[in-house]
C-alpha atoms as a PDB file:
ATOM      1  CA  MET A   1     -35.513 -19.770  47.820  1.00  0.00           C
ATOM      2  CA  VAL A   2     -32.942 -17.178  48.873  1.00  0.00           C
ATOM      3  CA  ARG A   3     -34.263 -13.627  48.821  1.00  0.00           C
ATOM      4  CA  VAL A   4     -31.955 -11.286  46.924  1.00  0.00           C
ATOM      5  CA  VAL A   5     -31.517  -7.915  48.624  1.00  0.00           C
ATOM      6  CA  LYS A   6     -30.121  -5.154  46.428  1.00  0.00           C
ATOM      7  CA  GLU A   7     -28.848  -1.706  47.309  1.00  0.00           C
ATOM      8  CA  TYR A   8     -31.317   1.144  46.786  1.00  0.00           C
ATOM      9  CA  ASP A   9     -29.512   2.694  43.799  1.00  0.00           C
ATOM     10  CA  GLU A  10     -29.047  -0.675  42.115  1.00  0.00           C
ATOM     11  CA  ARG A  11     -32.737  -1.552  42.417  1.00  0.00           C
ATOM     12  CA  TYR A  12     -33.730   1.950  41.278  1.00  0.00           C
ATOM     13  CA  ALA A  13     -31.546   1.576  38.170  1.00  0.00           C
ATOM     14  CA  GLU A  14     -33.092  -1.826  37.520  1.00  0.00           C
ATOM     15  CA  PHE A  15     -36.585  -0.352  37.574  1.00  0.00           C
ATOM     16  CA  LEU A  16     -35.494   2.321  35.083  1.00  0.00           C
ATOM     17  CA  ALA A  17     -33.870  -0.245  32.777  1.00  0.00           C
ATOM     18  CA  VAL A  18     -36.933  -2.502  32.784  1.00  0.00           C
ATOM     19  CA  ALA A  19     -39.287   0.437  32.300  1.00  0.00           C
ATOM     20  CA  GLN A  20     -37.232   1.680  29.352  1.00  0.00           C
ATOM     21  CA  GLU A  21     -37.240  -1.780  27.770  1.00  0.00           C
ATOM     22  CA  LEU A  22     -41.013  -2.219  28.137  1.00  0.00           C
ATOM     23  CA  PHE A  23     -41.983   1.358  27.290  1.00  0.00           C
ATOM     24  CA  TYR A  24     -39.822   1.204  24.157  1.00  0.00           C
ATOM     25  CA  SER A  25     -41.108  -2.194  23.023  1.00  0.00           C
ATOM     26  CA  LYS A  26     -44.775  -1.992  24.046  1.00  0.00           C
ATOM     27  CA  GLY A  27     -45.479   1.683  24.674  1.00  0.00           C
ATOM     28  CA  TYR A  28     -46.132   3.517  27.931  1.00  0.00           C
ATOM     29  CA  GLU A  29     -49.919   3.135  27.975  1.00  0.00           C
ATOM     30  CA  GLN A  30     -49.728  -0.572  27.052  1.00  0.00           C
ATOM     31  CA  THR A  31     -47.288  -1.381  29.872  1.00  0.00           C
ATOM     32  CA  SER A  32     -48.752  -2.076  33.293  1.00  0.00           C
ATOM     33  CA  VAL A  33     -47.064  -1.559  36.641  1.00  0.00           C
ATOM     34  CA  GLN A  34     -47.564  -5.280  37.277  1.00  0.00           C
ATOM     35  CA  GLU A  35     -45.552  -6.171  34.165  1.00  0.00           C
ATOM     36  CA  ILE A  36     -42.694  -4.003  35.386  1.00  0.00           C
ATOM     37  CA  ILE A  37     -42.878  -5.578  38.852  1.00  0.00           C
ATOM     38  CA  ASP A  38     -42.930  -9.097  37.416  1.00  0.00           C
ATOM     39  CA  LYS A  39     -39.926  -8.466  35.163  1.00  0.00           C
ATOM     40  CA  VAL A  40     -37.899  -6.916  37.974  1.00  0.00           C
ATOM     41  CA  GLY A  41     -38.981  -9.779  40.207  1.00  0.00           C
ATOM     42  CA  VAL A  42     -40.056  -7.890  43.314  1.00  0.00           C
ATOM     43  CA  ALA A  43     -43.162  -7.454  45.441  1.00  0.00           C
ATOM     44  CA  LYS A  44     -45.652  -4.714  44.525  1.00  0.00           C
ATOM     45  CA  GLY A  45     -44.762  -2.820  47.699  1.00  0.00           C
ATOM     46  CA  THR A  46     -41.158  -2.543  46.528  1.00  0.00           C
ATOM     47  CA  PHE A  47     -42.241  -0.660  43.401  1.00  0.00           C
ATOM     48  CA  TYR A  48     -44.240   1.824  45.461  1.00  0.00           C
ATOM     49  CA  HIS A  49     -41.291   2.275  47.792  1.00  0.00           C
ATOM     50  CA  TYR A  50     -39.473   3.840  44.831  1.00  0.00           C
ATOM     51  CA  PHE A  51     -42.280   5.406  42.790  1.00  0.00           C
ATOM     52  CA  GLY A  52     -45.687   6.735  43.718  1.00  0.00           C
ATOM     53  CA  SER A  53     -47.154   5.771  40.348  1.00  0.00           C
ATOM     54  CA  LYS A  54     -46.324   4.782  36.776  1.00  0.00           C
ATOM     55  CA  VAL A  55     -46.235   8.495  35.886  1.00  0.00           C
ATOM     56  CA  ASP A  56     -43.575   9.040  38.574  1.00  0.00           C
ATOM     57  CA  LEU A  57     -41.561   6.232  36.988  1.00  0.00           C
ATOM     58  CA  LEU A  58     -41.928   7.889  33.581  1.00  0.00           C
ATOM     59  CA  GLU A  59     -40.686  11.183  35.043  1.00  0.00           C
ATOM     60  CA  ALA A  60     -37.662   9.418  36.520  1.00  0.00           C
ATOM     61  CA  LEU A  61     -36.902   7.694  33.220  1.00  0.00           C
ATOM     62  CA  VAL A  62     -37.117  10.936  31.234  1.00  0.00           C
ATOM     63  CA  ALA A  63     -34.781  12.597  33.762  1.00  0.00           C
ATOM     64  CA  HIS A  64     -32.387   9.644  33.431  1.00  0.00           C
ATOM     65  CA  LEU A  65     -32.354   9.864  29.629  1.00  0.00           C
ATOM     66  CA  THR A  66     -31.879  13.639  29.719  1.00  0.00           C
ATOM     67  CA  THR A  67     -28.920  13.160  32.067  1.00  0.00           C
ATOM     68  CA  GLN A  68     -27.456  10.633  29.618  1.00  0.00           C
ATOM     69  CA  ALA A  69     -27.835  13.140  26.771  1.00  0.00           C
ATOM     70  CA  ALA A  70     -26.155  15.889  28.805  1.00  0.00           C
ATOM     71  CA  THR A  71     -23.300  13.556  29.785  1.00  0.00           C
ATOM     72  CA  ALA A  72     -22.775  12.645  26.132  1.00  0.00           C
ATOM     73  CA  LEU A  73     -22.461  16.357  25.285  1.00  0.00           C
ATOM     74  CA  GLN A  74     -19.727  17.009  27.841  1.00  0.00           C
ATOM     75  CA  PRO A  75     -16.765  15.828  25.684  1.00  0.00           C
ATOM     76  CA  LEU A  76     -17.928  18.110  22.866  1.00  0.00           C
ATOM     77  CA  VAL A  77     -18.240  21.122  25.141  1.00  0.00           C
ATOM     78  CA  THR A  78     -14.768  20.640  26.645  1.00  0.00           C
ATOM     79  CA  ASP A  79     -13.003  19.848  23.345  1.00  0.00           C
ATOM     80  CA  SER A  80     -10.371  22.597  23.089  1.00  0.00           C
ATOM     81  CA  SER A  81      -9.726  21.859  19.408  1.00  0.00           C
ATOM     82  CA  LEU A  82     -13.155  23.024  18.217  1.00  0.00           C
ATOM     83  CA  PRO A  83     -14.200  26.649  17.661  1.00  0.00           C
ATOM     84  CA  ALA A  84     -17.380  27.859  19.357  1.00  0.00           C
ATOM     85  CA  MET A  85     -19.495  28.113  16.210  1.00  0.00           C
ATOM     86  CA  GLU A  86     -18.768  24.496  15.300  1.00  0.00           C
ATOM     87  CA  LYS A  87     -19.440  23.399  18.872  1.00  0.00           C
ATOM     88  CA  LEU A  88     -22.788  25.188  18.842  1.00  0.00           C
ATOM     89  CA  ALA A  89     -23.828  23.477  15.623  1.00  0.00           C
ATOM     90  CA  ARG A  90     -22.705  20.076  16.907  1.00  0.00           C
ATOM     91  CA  PHE A  91     -24.420  20.700  20.267  1.00  0.00           C
ATOM     92  CA  PHE A  92     -27.812  21.017  18.614  1.00  0.00           C
ATOM     93  CA  GLU A  93     -27.004  18.240  16.140  1.00  0.00           C
ATOM     94  CA  GLN A  94     -26.312  15.828  19.010  1.00  0.00           C
ATOM     95  CA  VAL A  95     -29.482  16.847  20.827  1.00  0.00           C
ATOM     96  CA  ASN A  96     -31.489  16.337  17.628  1.00  0.00           C
ATOM     97  CA  THR A  97     -29.849  12.955  17.007  1.00  0.00           C
ATOM     98  CA  PHE A  98     -30.608  11.817  20.549  1.00  0.00           C
ATOM     99  CA  GLU A  99     -34.254  12.794  20.146  1.00  0.00           C
ATOM    100  CA  VAL A 100     -34.581  11.091  16.756  1.00  0.00           C
ATOM    101  CA  THR A 101     -32.969   7.926  18.151  1.00  0.00           C
ATOM    102  CA  ASN A 102     -35.556   7.888  20.938  1.00  0.00           C
ATOM    103  CA  ARG A 103     -38.376   9.181  18.729  1.00  0.00           C
ATOM    104  CA  ASP A 104     -41.023   6.520  19.376  1.00  0.00           C
ATOM    105  CA  PHE A 105     -40.604   6.694  23.140  1.00  0.00           C
ATOM    106  CA  LEU A 106     -40.585  10.493  23.109  1.00  0.00           C
ATOM    107  CA  LEU A 107     -43.753  10.569  21.000  1.00  0.00           C
ATOM    108  CA  ASP A 108     -45.355   8.246  23.525  1.00  0.00           C
ATOM    109  CA  THR A 109     -44.154  10.501  26.341  1.00  0.00           C
ATOM    110  CA  MET A 110     -45.532  13.607  24.616  1.00  0.00           C
ATOM    111  CA  ARG A 111     -49.029  12.163  24.665  1.00  0.00           C
ATOM    112  CA  VAL A 112     -48.733  11.617  28.409  1.00  0.00           C
ATOM    113  CA  LEU A 113     -47.202  15.031  29.139  1.00  0.00           C
ATOM    114  CA  TYR A 114     -49.907  16.865  27.218  1.00  0.00           C
ATOM    115  CA  GLN A 115     -52.729  15.288  29.168  1.00  0.00           C
ATOM    116  CA  GLU A 116     -54.434  17.924  31.317  1.00  0.00           C
ATOM    117  CA  GLU A 117     -53.587  16.218  34.588  1.00  0.00           C
ATOM    118  CA  ASN A 118     -49.867  16.153  33.733  1.00  0.00           C
ATOM    119  CA  VAL A 119     -49.218  19.874  33.238  1.00  0.00           C
ATOM    120  CA  LEU A 120     -47.013  19.998  36.353  1.00  0.00           C
ATOM    121  CA  LEU A 121     -45.042  16.985  35.141  1.00  0.00           C
ATOM    122  CA  ARG A 122     -44.412  18.707  31.793  1.00  0.00           C
ATOM    123  CA  VAL A 123     -43.112  21.803  33.596  1.00  0.00           C
ATOM    124  CA  LYS A 124     -40.822  19.647  35.774  1.00  0.00           C
ATOM    125  CA  VAL A 125     -39.435  17.806  32.741  1.00  0.00           C
ATOM    126  CA  GLN A 126     -38.666  21.116  31.015  1.00  0.00           C
ATOM    127  CA  ALA A 127     -37.005  22.473  34.161  1.00  0.00           C
ATOM    128  CA  GLN A 128     -34.821  19.357  34.437  1.00  0.00           C
ATOM    129  CA  SER A 129     -33.772  19.722  30.816  1.00  0.00           C
ATOM    130  CA  THR A 130     -32.874  23.397  31.309  1.00  0.00           C
ATOM    131  CA  ALA A 131     -30.873  22.647  34.465  1.00  0.00           C
ATOM    132  CA  LEU A 132     -28.788  20.026  32.642  1.00  0.00           C
ATOM    133  CA  LEU A 133     -28.320  21.619  29.219  1.00  0.00           C
ATOM    134  CA  ALA A 134     -28.051  25.354  29.963  1.00  0.00           C
ATOM    135  CA  PRO A 135     -24.680  25.145  31.775  1.00  0.00           C
ATOM    136  CA  LEU A 136     -23.205  23.235  28.823  1.00  0.00           C
ATOM    137  CA  LEU A 137     -24.543  25.760  26.327  1.00  0.00           C
ATOM    138  CA  ALA A 138     -23.220  28.566  28.533  1.00  0.00           C
ATOM    139  CA  GLN A 139     -19.687  27.159  28.266  1.00  0.00           C
ATOM    140  CA  ILE A 140     -19.925  27.322  24.464  1.00  0.00           C
ATOM    141  CA  ILE A 141     -21.244  30.883  24.630  1.00  0.00           C
ATOM    142  CA  HIS A 142     -18.380  31.940  26.919  1.00  0.00           C
ATOM    143  CA  GLN A 143     -15.909  30.453  24.431  1.00  0.00           C
ATOM    144  CA  GLY A 144     -17.600  32.260  21.550  1.00  0.00           C
ATOM    145  CA  ILE A 145     -17.294  35.571  23.410  1.00  0.00           C
ATOM    146  CA  ASP A 146     -13.591  34.909  24.012  1.00  0.00           C
ATOM    147  CA  GLU A 147     -13.136  34.113  20.302  1.00  0.00           C
ATOM    148  CA  GLY A 148     -14.990  37.260  19.266  1.00  0.00           C
ATOM    149  CA  VAL A 149     -17.718  35.435  17.307  1.00  0.00           C
ATOM    150  CA  PHE A 150     -20.443  36.177  19.885  1.00  0.00           C
ATOM    151  CA  SER A 151     -21.175  39.567  21.401  1.00  0.00           C
ATOM    152  CA  LEU A 152     -23.474  39.655  24.425  1.00  0.00           C
ATOM    153  CA  ASP A 153     -23.725  40.233  28.141  1.00  0.00           C
ATOM    154  CA  TYR A 154     -24.873  37.675  30.712  1.00  0.00           C
ATOM    155  CA  PRO A 155     -23.920  34.450  28.877  1.00  0.00           C
ATOM    156  CA  ASP A 156     -25.148  32.136  31.666  1.00  0.00           C
ATOM    157  CA  ALA A 157     -28.606  33.703  31.843  1.00  0.00           C
ATOM    158  CA  THR A 158     -28.708  33.833  28.038  1.00  0.00           C
ATOM    159  CA  ALA A 159     -28.075  30.087  27.829  1.00  0.00           C
ATOM    160  CA  GLU A 160     -31.123  29.445  30.023  1.00  0.00           C
ATOM    161  CA  ILE A 161     -33.216  31.777  27.892  1.00  0.00           C
ATOM    162  CA  LEU A 162     -32.131  30.055  24.664  1.00  0.00           C
ATOM    163  CA  ILE A 163     -32.993  26.615  26.052  1.00  0.00           C
ATOM    164  CA  GLY A 164     -36.381  27.971  27.108  1.00  0.00           C
ATOM    165  CA  MET A 165     -36.952  29.419  23.650  1.00  0.00           C
ATOM    166  CA  GLY A 166     -36.067  26.058  22.123  1.00  0.00           C
ATOM    167  CA  GLN A 167     -38.559  24.341  24.403  1.00  0.00           C
ATOM    168  CA  GLY A 168     -41.201  26.791  23.241  1.00  0.00           C
ATOM    169  CA  VAL A 169     -40.535  25.903  19.617  1.00  0.00           C
ATOM    170  CA  SER A 170     -40.565  22.194  20.454  1.00  0.00           C
ATOM    171  CA  ALA A 171     -43.897  22.624  22.230  1.00  0.00           C
ATOM    172  CA  ALA A 172     -45.376  24.090  19.044  1.00  0.00           C
ATOM    173  CA  PHE A 173     -44.801  20.950  17.007  1.00  0.00           C
ATOM    174  CA  GLU A 174     -45.389  18.645  19.966  1.00  0.00           C
ATOM    175  CA  ARG A 175     -48.912  20.019  20.248  1.00  0.00           C
ATOM    176  CA  LEU A 176     -49.338  19.645  16.500  1.00  0.00           C
ATOM    177  CA  ILE A 177     -48.242  16.002  16.683  1.00  0.00           C
ATOM    178  CA  VAL A 178     -50.427  15.193  19.689  1.00  0.00           C
ATOM    179  CA  ALA A 179     -53.426  16.890  18.103  1.00  0.00           C
ATOM    180  CA  GLY A 180     -52.758  15.213  14.738  1.00  0.00           C
ATOM    181  CA  GLU A 181     -52.878  18.518  12.858  1.00  0.00           C
ATOM    182  CA  THR A 182     -51.517  17.726   9.418  1.00  0.00           C
ATOM    183  CA  THR A 183     -52.694  20.686   7.357  1.00  0.00           C
ATOM    184  CA  VAL A 184     -50.306  22.659   5.178  1.00  0.00           C
ATOM    185  CA  ILE A 185     -51.020  25.777   7.249  1.00  0.00           C
ATOM    186  CA  ALA A 186     -50.272  24.092  10.598  1.00  0.00           C
ATOM    187  CA  VAL A 187     -46.984  22.583   9.413  1.00  0.00           C
ATOM    188  CA  ALA A 188     -45.905  25.845   7.743  1.00  0.00           C
ATOM    189  CA  ARG A 189     -46.606  27.693  10.995  1.00  0.00           C
ATOM    190  CA  VAL A 190     -44.234  25.393  12.892  1.00  0.00           C
ATOM    191  CA  LYS A 191     -41.530  25.736  10.243  1.00  0.00           C
ATOM    192  CA  ARG A 192     -41.754  29.538  10.526  1.00  0.00           C
ATOM    193  CA  LYS A 193     -41.275  29.258  14.291  1.00  0.00           C
ATOM    194  CA  VAL A 194     -38.162  27.144  13.762  1.00  0.00           C
ATOM    195  CA  ALA A 195     -36.760  29.720  11.330  1.00  0.00           C
ATOM    196  CA  ALA A 196     -37.624  32.545  13.743  1.00  0.00           C
ATOM    197  CA  TYR A 197     -35.861  30.687  16.552  1.00  0.00           C
ATOM    198  CA  GLU A 198     -32.680  30.276  14.525  1.00  0.00           C
ATOM    199  CA  ARG A 199     -32.610  33.936  13.499  1.00  0.00           C
ATOM    200  CA  GLY A 200     -33.447  34.967  17.067  1.00  0.00           C
ATOM    201  CA  VAL A 201     -30.560  32.939  18.491  1.00  0.00           C
ATOM    202  CA  GLU A 202     -28.195  34.582  16.007  1.00  0.00           C
ATOM    203  CA  ARG A 203     -29.274  38.057  17.094  1.00  0.00           C
ATOM    204  CA  ILE A 204     -29.139  37.258  20.806  1.00  0.00           C
ATOM    205  CA  LEU A 205     -25.625  35.825  20.475  1.00  0.00           C
ATOM    206  CA  GLY A 206     -24.482  38.541  18.097  1.00  0.00           C
ATOM    207  CA  ALA A 207     -23.555  35.859  15.556  1.00  0.00           C
ATOM    208  CA  PRO A 208     -23.468  36.518  11.795  1.00  0.00           C
ATOM    209  CA  ALA A 209     -26.859  36.474  10.052  1.00  0.00           C
ATOM    210  CA  GLU A 210     -27.888  33.167   8.453  1.00  0.00           C
ATOM    211  CA  SER A 211     -24.964  31.441  10.191  1.00  0.00           C
ATOM    212  CA  LEU A 212     -26.918  28.908  12.272  1.00  0.00           C
ATOM    213  CA  CYS A 213     -28.987  25.878  11.344  1.00  0.00           C
ATOM    214  CA  LEU A 214     -30.108  24.478  14.687  1.00  0.00           C
ATOM    215  CA  ILE A 215     -32.838  22.136  13.466  1.00  0.00           C
ATOM    216  CA  ASP A 216     -32.099  20.577  10.095  1.00  0.00           C
ATOM    217  CA  PRO A 217     -35.165  20.360   7.798  1.00  0.00           C
ATOM    218  CA  SER A 218     -34.601  16.605   7.447  1.00  0.00           C
ATOM    219  CA  VAL A 219     -34.843  16.236  11.240  1.00  0.00           C
ATOM    220  CA  LEU A 220     -37.982  18.357  11.331  1.00  0.00           C
ATOM    221  CA  ALA A 221     -39.515  16.145   8.648  1.00  0.00           C
ATOM    222  CA  ILE A 222     -38.985  13.087  10.859  1.00  0.00           C
ATOM    223  CA  TRP A 223     -41.031  14.670  13.636  1.00  0.00           C
ATOM    224  CA  LEU A 224     -43.779  16.466  11.762  1.00  0.00           C
ATOM    225  CA  PRO A 225     -46.688  14.382  10.440  1.00  0.00           C
ATOM    226  CA  PRO A 226     -47.100  14.099   6.656  1.00  0.00           C
ATOM    227  CA  VAL A 227     -48.897  17.120   5.282  1.00  0.00           C
ATOM    228  CA  GLN A 228     -52.530  16.446   4.440  1.00  0.00           C
ATOM    229  CA  THR A 229     -53.475  18.059   1.158  1.00  0.00           C
ATOM    230  CA  GLU A 230     -56.928  19.229   0.197  1.00  0.00           C
ATOM    231  CA  SER A 231     -57.457  16.153  -1.999  1.00  0.00           C
ATOM    232  CA  ASP A 232     -56.340  13.856   0.860  1.00  0.00           C
ATOM    233  CA  SER A 233     -58.989  15.327   3.134  1.00  0.00           C
ATOM    234  CA  GLY A 234     -61.728  14.952   0.539  1.00  0.00           C
ATOM    235  CA  GLY A 235     -61.905  18.683  -0.051  1.00  0.00           C
ATOM    236  CA  GLY A 236     -61.259  18.438  -3.797  1.00  0.00           C
ATOM    237  CA  ARG A 237     -63.986  18.622  -6.370  1.00  0.00           C
END
């Protein structure tokens, strides 16, 4: 049988494609390294030439998907026909749509990232996201300043800060999801943080009050677990 030798980047991409297929269909925890190796059709040593572990492969896949999301945003950011306020709304809408489309995988990933031993991985994933998305958001902010709809100094640094704030809000409901907190109080607390984030972004950008809806309530409802009422929990009389 002829041994097929592939270029490094081609084999790397193949590992990512197979991992995405299996993680999406079976789940991260339910997929073994051996299954990935078998489907790619390589020796075990080849896998470990590319990745130190399954967690390293997950990190690479998340980075790959984040890069895809950032690439998809580029035409929006450079569209000269759209005003900055509309671009900003569509920017967050596209990010939200991407996350909803990949919801099951991202939920699976959350559970891995919030394991104690993966704190560093979570920080690296957030840093990768900031590095890719902040420059795109900065371009929109610069345009908004030129159009007179935003009023602020340091637009590039501000973009990084806004992405970081958004990650903080996301972390609030990620922890809620991972912990399975479904009480009215817990869900209301997250919704207040989302509202505070939107109003905070407006003030930082110098945009009109109540002008931004960055996370639509319908999108939030997709992510947050159903609220458990007192009667659901057996607390009623």
